[in-house]
Amino acid sequence: MSYPIHGKVTRVAKNNVPIVGGIEYNLEFSVDLDDNSNTGENWKKWLAGQGEWGGTMQYSLDPTNPEQKALIDAIVCASPGTVLTDVVFRLEDSGDYFSGDIIITSFSVPATVSGKVTGSFNFKGQGAPSLTVA
């Protein structure tokens, strides 16, 4: 697929099962930095530390979807800190995706009188993520 791509073709899957419900996701990648500048220098220098990643997922709530249920169980019913392995954040249909293990850190269910019930997860990556480009 050529880039740029439209968000309508993105999706998230666990165990090759899509997490359905019009899912949206946001991934963030960062690295710890420590100031390594010397007195009198005009420009800062940085010492790179550890990297981290995480993000959010939002979708129409459907706990009958086995992978949505697995996400809910990981924070609501299981021991806190359950690691979900090999979660795939697809960029499009031709095989480009980010993947990795995640820990669900929070889960909310916004329900308004004038709209559909949705689910929202915050998560942190466990170890390094991967980027696969087909």
Protein backbone atom coordinates (compact mmCIF):
# COMPACT_ATOMS: atom_id res chain seq x y z
CA MET A 1 0.00 0.00 0.00
CA SER A 2 1.22 3.48 -0.71
CA TYR A 3 1.59 6.10 1.96
CA PRO A 4 0.06 8.28 3.29
CA ILE A 5 -2.70 5.98 4.50
CA HIS A 6 -6.14 6.66 5.92
CA GLY A 7 -7.03 5.69 9.50
CA LYS A 8 -10.10 3.79 8.30
CA VAL A 9 -7.87 0.83 7.33
CA THR A 10 -6.07 0.54 10.68
CA ARG A 11 -6.97 -2.05 13.28
CA VAL A 12 -5.71 -3.87 16.38
CA ALA A 13 -5.55 -7.65 16.74
CA LYS A 14 -4.58 -10.14 19.43
CA ASN A 15 -3.87 -13.78 18.54
CA ASN A 16 -4.79 -12.89 14.93
CA VAL A 17 -8.31 -12.00 16.10
CA PRO A 18 -9.28 -8.37 15.34
CA ILE A 19 -10.52 -6.29 18.25
CA VAL A 20 -13.72 -5.10 16.60
CA GLY A 21 -15.78 -2.00 17.15
CA GLY A 22 -14.35 0.84 15.11
CA ILE A 23 -11.13 0.87 17.08
CA GLU A 24 -8.86 3.87 17.22
CA TYR A 25 -5.40 3.77 18.71
CA ASN A 26 -2.57 6.11 19.57
CA LEU A 27 0.98 4.83 20.08
CA GLU A 28 3.70 6.86 21.77
CA PHE A 29 7.41 6.05 21.82
CA SER A 30 9.94 7.89 23.99
CA VAL A 31 13.42 7.66 25.50
CA ASP A 32 14.66 8.85 28.90
CA LEU A 33 17.23 11.63 28.60
CA ASP A 34 19.59 12.97 31.24
CA ASP A 35 21.22 16.38 30.88
CA ASN A 36 24.89 15.79 30.05
CA SER A 37 25.85 19.43 29.46
CA ASN A 38 28.86 21.19 30.90
CA THR A 39 28.85 24.61 32.53
CA GLY A 40 29.46 27.36 29.99
CA GLU A 41 28.17 25.45 26.95
CA ASN A 42 25.55 27.21 24.83
CA TRP A 43 23.77 24.04 23.75
CA LYS A 44 22.59 21.15 25.88
CA LYS A 45 23.89 17.63 25.38
CA TRP A 46 21.89 14.57 26.37
CA LEU A 47 22.73 11.11 27.64
CA ALA A 48 20.18 8.62 26.28
CA GLY A 49 18.67 6.14 28.73
CA GLN A 50 15.93 3.55 28.38
CA GLY A 51 13.16 3.67 25.81
CA GLU A 52 9.49 3.09 26.50
CA TRP A 53 6.26 2.90 24.58
CA GLY A 54 2.55 2.78 25.28
CA GLY A 55 -0.68 4.35 24.22
CA THR A 56 -4.44 4.24 24.16
CA MET A 57 -7.17 2.29 22.37
CA GLN A 58 -10.81 3.36 22.03
CA TYR A 59 -13.69 1.48 20.42
CA SER A 60 -17.40 0.66 20.59
CA LEU A 61 -17.80 -1.64 23.57
CA ASP A 62 -18.56 -5.27 22.64
CA PRO A 63 -17.58 -7.66 25.44
CA THR A 64 -18.77 -10.60 23.28
CA ASN A 65 -15.68 -10.05 21.08
CA PRO A 66 -13.13 -12.49 22.55
CA GLU A 67 -10.20 -10.08 22.29
CA GLN A 68 -12.10 -7.12 23.78
CA LYS A 69 -13.09 -9.47 26.62
CA ALA A 70 -9.42 -10.49 27.06
CA LEU A 71 -8.43 -6.82 27.39
CA ILE A 72 -11.19 -6.19 29.92
CA ASP A 73 -10.27 -9.30 31.90
CA ALA A 74 -6.61 -8.23 31.98
CA ILE A 75 -7.47 -5.20 34.14
CA VAL A 76 -10.86 -5.95 35.72
CA CYS A 77 -10.80 -9.68 36.48
CA ALA A 78 -7.15 -10.78 36.41
CA SER A 79 -4.16 -10.02 38.57
CA PRO A 80 -2.96 -6.47 37.98
CA GLY A 81 0.00 -6.38 35.60
CA THR A 82 -1.12 -9.23 33.36
CA VAL A 83 1.04 -9.12 30.22
CA LEU A 84 -0.84 -9.47 26.93
CA THR A 85 1.54 -10.92 24.37
CA ASP A 86 1.92 -10.12 20.68
CA VAL A 87 -0.67 -7.37 20.29
CA VAL A 88 -0.62 -6.11 16.69
CA PHE A 89 -1.37 -2.51 15.68
CA ARG A 90 -2.00 -2.74 11.93
CA LEU A 91 -1.31 0.30 9.79
CA GLU A 92 -3.12 -1.09 6.75
CA ASP A 93 -4.01 -4.37 5.00
CA SER A 94 -0.74 -5.19 3.21
CA GLY A 95 1.18 -6.25 6.29
CA ASP A 96 2.71 -3.12 7.86
CA TYR A 97 2.29 -3.06 11.64
CA PHE A 98 3.70 -2.36 15.08
CA SER A 99 3.57 -5.21 17.59
CA GLY A 100 4.63 -6.06 21.10
CA ASP A 101 3.56 -7.11 24.56
CA ILE A 102 1.45 -4.73 26.64
CA ILE A 103 0.16 -4.25 30.17
CA ILE A 104 -3.26 -2.61 30.51
CA THR A 105 -2.89 0.25 33.01
CA SER A 106 -6.45 1.59 33.01
CA PHE A 107 -9.87 0.96 31.47
CA SER A 108 -12.85 3.29 31.26
CA VAL A 109 -16.37 2.86 29.91
CA PRO A 110 -17.89 6.21 28.96
CA ALA A 111 -21.67 5.86 28.59
CA THR A 112 -23.70 8.92 27.67
CA VAL A 113 -27.42 9.29 27.15
CA SER A 114 -26.87 10.66 23.65
CA GLY A 115 -24.23 8.23 22.36
CA LYS A 116 -23.00 4.68 22.13
CA VAL A 117 -21.11 3.00 24.95
CA THR A 118 -17.40 2.90 24.27
CA GLY A 119 -14.35 1.39 25.90
CA SER A 120 -11.00 3.05 26.39
CA PHE A 121 -7.74 1.39 27.44
CA ASN A 122 -4.43 2.90 28.41
CA PHE A 123 -1.45 0.59 28.20
CA LYS A 124 2.33 0.42 28.54
CA GLY A 125 4.61 -1.68 26.39
CA GLN A 126 6.47 -4.53 28.06
CA GLY A 127 9.90 -4.63 26.44
CA ALA A 128 10.73 -3.45 22.94
CA PRO A 129 8.09 -3.04 20.22
CA SER A 130 8.59 -4.16 16.61
CA LEU A 131 7.81 -2.47 13.31
CA THR A 132 7.16 -4.83 10.41
CA VAL A 133 7.03 -3.42 6.88
CA ALA A 134 5.91 -5.92 4.24
